[in-house]
């Protein structure tokens, strides 16, 4: 698993929920794993009110929160974290 450009795989025309499945797949999760963790991912991101909104309407912070929530619910054997990416999210 990697926390490098965590929202880089988002498709701007898809909703947040659709992007959870897209990004989860890109990160190596199966559709069944994503579906089982979907509610937890959305709750962790605190974007439930916007999950059916296309991500092109999200702020950069909302994109980062959703991407991080997906990554946080993976179960990788190895996790790579780009600290520069995390520092840039702090502003």
Foldseek 3Di string as FASTA:
>chain_A
DEADPLLVQADQQAFQLVRLQVSLVVVPDDSVLSVVCVVVLCVQLVCVVRRRPRCVPPDVLSSSSSSVSSVVSDDDPDYYYDVVVVVVSVD
